[in-house]
């Protein structure tokens, strides 16, 4: 089940990031017509391109999430969709976590 599709990758920072691991084995993302081949995609400063088939997985169906890495520090973040324990009700959100699954920027999670 697709919960969140990424349609464009934009890097407005001064750092280079790379997509290390896609989040869902059932989808094969493409960038510039090139299919994901388990090799990292780099996004230098100013990168702004459409992408197809890139999804952020549901937390209960992914072992890794969508994993991004900052190139110079090699720090990683994981993106998943899952329950939002801040908002009452039955709400899911786009969650950002570190490589150890610790919560990051909870106040900026998107419902």
C-alpha atoms as a PDB file:
ATOM      1  CA  UNK A   1       0.000   0.000   0.000  1.00  0.00           C
ATOM      2  CA  UNK A   2       1.411   3.370  -1.024  1.00  0.00           C
ATOM      3  CA  UNK A   3       0.982   6.006   1.628  1.00  0.00           C
ATOM      4  CA  UNK A   4       3.316   8.763   0.461  1.00  0.00           C
ATOM      5  CA  UNK A   5       4.796   9.267  -3.015  1.00  0.00           C
ATOM      6  CA  UNK A   6       7.781  11.553  -3.589  1.00  0.00           C
ATOM      7  CA  UNK A   7       7.377  13.349  -6.911  1.00  0.00           C
ATOM      8  CA  UNK A   8      10.294  15.810  -6.788  1.00  0.00           C
ATOM      9  CA  UNK A   9      13.654  15.949  -5.019  1.00  0.00           C
ATOM     10  CA  UNK A  10      14.907  19.430  -4.194  1.00  0.00           C
ATOM     11  CA  UNK A  11      18.070  20.265  -2.284  1.00  0.00           C
ATOM     12  CA  UNK A  12      18.049  23.914  -1.262  1.00  0.00           C
ATOM     13  CA  UNK A  13      20.901  23.511   1.230  1.00  0.00           C
ATOM     14  CA  UNK A  14      24.647  23.942   0.729  1.00  0.00           C
ATOM     15  CA  UNK A  15      25.300  20.259   1.506  1.00  0.00           C
ATOM     16  CA  UNK A  16      25.194  17.170  -0.698  1.00  0.00           C
ATOM     17  CA  UNK A  17      22.805  14.388   0.215  1.00  0.00           C
ATOM     18  CA  UNK A  18      22.391  10.910  -1.147  1.00  0.00           C
ATOM     19  CA  UNK A  19      19.539   8.462  -1.263  1.00  0.00           C
ATOM     20  CA  UNK A  20      21.024   5.352   0.338  1.00  0.00           C
ATOM     21  CA  UNK A  21      18.074   3.006   0.475  1.00  0.00           C
ATOM     22  CA  UNK A  22      14.608   3.070  -1.010  1.00  0.00           C
ATOM     23  CA  UNK A  23      11.817   2.286   1.345  1.00  0.00           C
ATOM     24  CA  UNK A  24       9.672  -0.228  -0.476  1.00  0.00           C
ATOM     25  CA  UNK A  25      10.743  -3.334  -2.371  1.00  0.00           C
ATOM     26  CA  UNK A  26       7.592  -3.269  -4.512  1.00  0.00           C
ATOM     27  CA  UNK A  27       8.454   0.040  -6.207  1.00  0.00           C
ATOM     28  CA  UNK A  28      11.384   0.857  -8.477  1.00  0.00           C
ATOM     29  CA  UNK A  29      12.087   4.573  -8.535  1.00  0.00           C
ATOM     30  CA  UNK A  30      13.545   6.268 -11.581  1.00  0.00           C
ATOM     31  CA  UNK A  31      15.481   9.512 -11.910  1.00  0.00           C
ATOM     32  CA  UNK A  32      16.409  10.911 -15.344  1.00  0.00           C
ATOM     33  CA  UNK A  33      15.103   7.661 -16.831  1.00  0.00           C
ATOM     34  CA  UNK A  34      17.571   5.617 -14.776  1.00  0.00           C
ATOM     35  CA  UNK A  35      16.097   2.924 -12.543  1.00  0.00           C
ATOM     36  CA  UNK A  36      17.290   2.492  -8.956  1.00  0.00           C
ATOM     37  CA  UNK A  37      20.023  -0.179  -8.940  1.00  0.00           C
ATOM     38  CA  UNK A  38      20.828  -0.199  -5.196  1.00  0.00           C
ATOM     39  CA  UNK A  39      23.579   2.374  -5.750  1.00  0.00           C
ATOM     40  CA  UNK A  40      23.172   5.732  -3.963  1.00  0.00           C
ATOM     41  CA  UNK A  41      21.783   8.698  -5.860  1.00  0.00           C
ATOM     42  CA  UNK A  42      23.498  11.995  -5.011  1.00  0.00           C
ATOM     43  CA  UNK A  43      21.662  15.289  -4.699  1.00  0.00           C
ATOM     44  CA  UNK A  44      24.142  18.213  -4.761  1.00  0.00           C
ATOM     45  CA  UNK A  45      23.195  21.753  -3.711  1.00  0.00           C
ATOM     46  CA  UNK A  46      20.640  23.208  -6.096  1.00  0.00           C
ATOM     47  CA  UNK A  47      19.368  19.799  -7.237  1.00  0.00           C
ATOM     48  CA  UNK A  48      15.718  20.072  -8.299  1.00  0.00           C
ATOM     49  CA  UNK A  49      14.366  17.227 -10.417  1.00  0.00           C
ATOM     50  CA  UNK A  50      11.235  15.095 -10.696  1.00  0.00           C
ATOM     51  CA  UNK A  51      11.422  11.464  -9.629  1.00  0.00           C
ATOM     52  CA  UNK A  52       9.035   8.609 -10.347  1.00  0.00           C
ATOM     53  CA  UNK A  53       8.102   5.611  -8.209  1.00  0.00           C
ATOM     54  CA  UNK A  54       9.837   6.813  -5.035  1.00  0.00           C
ATOM     55  CA  UNK A  55       7.698   6.119  -1.986  1.00  0.00           C
ATOM     56  CA  UNK A  56       7.940   6.646   1.742  1.00  0.00           C
ATOM     57  CA  UNK A  57       6.852   3.331   3.273  1.00  0.00           C
ATOM     58  CA  UNK A  58       4.402   2.614   6.051  1.00  0.00           C
ATOM     59  CA  UNK A  59       6.262   2.012   9.331  1.00  0.00           C
ATOM     60  CA  UNK A  60       4.937  -1.505   9.860  1.00  0.00           C
ATOM     61  CA  UNK A  61       5.962  -2.733   6.409  1.00  0.00           C
ATOM     62  CA  UNK A  62       9.546  -1.462   6.224  1.00  0.00           C
ATOM     63  CA  UNK A  63      12.719  -2.544   7.968  1.00  0.00           C
ATOM     64  CA  UNK A  64      14.629   0.588   6.999  1.00  0.00           C
ATOM     65  CA  UNK A  65      12.340   3.326   5.743  1.00  0.00           C
ATOM     66  CA  UNK A  66      13.496   5.709   3.050  1.00  0.00           C
ATOM     67  CA  UNK A  67      17.120   6.432   4.042  1.00  0.00           C
ATOM     68  CA  UNK A  68      18.939   9.676   3.202  1.00  0.00           C
ATOM     69  CA  UNK A  69      22.541  10.495   4.108  1.00  0.00           C
ATOM     70  CA  UNK A  70      24.450  13.760   4.332  1.00  0.00           C
ATOM     71  CA  UNK A  71      27.628  13.030   2.347  1.00  0.00           C
ATOM     72  CA  UNK A  72      30.317  14.805   4.396  1.00  0.00           C
ATOM     73  CA  UNK A  73      29.144  13.629   7.837  1.00  0.00           C
ATOM     74  CA  UNK A  74      27.558  10.338   6.725  1.00  0.00           C
ATOM     75  CA  UNK A  75      24.706  11.052   9.164  1.00  0.00           C
ATOM     76  CA  UNK A  76      21.495   9.370   8.112  1.00  0.00           C
ATOM     77  CA  UNK A  77      17.797  10.050   8.501  1.00  0.00           C
ATOM     78  CA  UNK A  78      14.928   7.656   7.922  1.00  0.00           C
ATOM     79  CA  UNK A  79      11.567   8.730   6.585  1.00  0.00           C
ATOM     80  CA  UNK A  80       8.473   6.626   7.247  1.00  0.00           C
ATOM     81  CA  UNK A  81       4.742   7.120   7.507  1.00  0.00           C
ATOM     82  CA  UNK A  82       3.231   6.052  10.801  1.00  0.00           C
ATOM     83  CA  UNK A  83       1.025   6.916  13.748  1.00  0.00           C
ATOM     84  CA  UNK A  84       1.205  10.399  15.173  1.00  0.00           C
ATOM     85  CA  UNK A  85       1.146  10.146  18.954  1.00  0.00           C
ATOM     86  CA  UNK A  86       1.042  13.925  19.399  1.00  0.00           C
ATOM     87  CA  UNK A  87      -2.320  14.560  17.756  1.00  0.00           C
ATOM     88  CA  UNK A  88      -5.327  12.808  19.211  1.00  0.00           C
ATOM     89  CA  UNK A  89      -7.395  10.752  16.858  1.00  0.00           C
ATOM     90  CA  UNK A  90      -6.485   8.303  14.183  1.00  0.00           C
ATOM     91  CA  UNK A  91      -3.873  10.420  12.360  1.00  0.00           C
ATOM     92  CA  UNK A  92      -0.775   9.281  10.498  1.00  0.00           C
ATOM     93  CA  UNK A  93       2.135  11.511   9.622  1.00  0.00           C
ATOM     94  CA  UNK A  94       5.418  11.672   7.744  1.00  0.00           C
ATOM     95  CA  UNK A  95       7.969  10.838  10.444  1.00  0.00           C
ATOM     96  CA  UNK A  96      11.690  11.642  10.483  1.00  0.00           C
ATOM     97  CA  UNK A  97      14.023   9.479  12.581  1.00  0.00           C
ATOM     98  CA  UNK A  98      17.773   8.955  12.876  1.00  0.00           C
ATOM     99  CA  UNK A  99      19.684   5.804  11.965  1.00  0.00           C
ATOM    100  CA  UNK A 100      18.845   4.321  15.392  1.00  0.00           C
ATOM    101  CA  UNK A 101      15.113   5.054  14.950  1.00  0.00           C
ATOM    102  CA  UNK A 102      15.206   7.916  17.455  1.00  0.00           C
ATOM    103  CA  UNK A 103      12.702  10.704  16.779  1.00  0.00           C
ATOM    104  CA  UNK A 104      13.935  13.848  14.995  1.00  0.00           C
ATOM    105  CA  UNK A 105      12.124  17.177  14.541  1.00  0.00           C
ATOM    106  CA  UNK A 106       8.846  15.874  15.985  1.00  0.00           C
ATOM    107  CA  UNK A 107       7.373  19.384  15.899  1.00  0.00           C
ATOM    108  CA  UNK A 108       7.768  19.346  12.115  1.00  0.00           C
ATOM    109  CA  UNK A 109       6.124  15.977  11.395  1.00  0.00           C
ATOM    110  CA  UNK A 110       3.517  16.426   8.671  1.00  0.00           C
ATOM    111  CA  UNK A 111       0.025  14.961   9.149  1.00  0.00           C
END
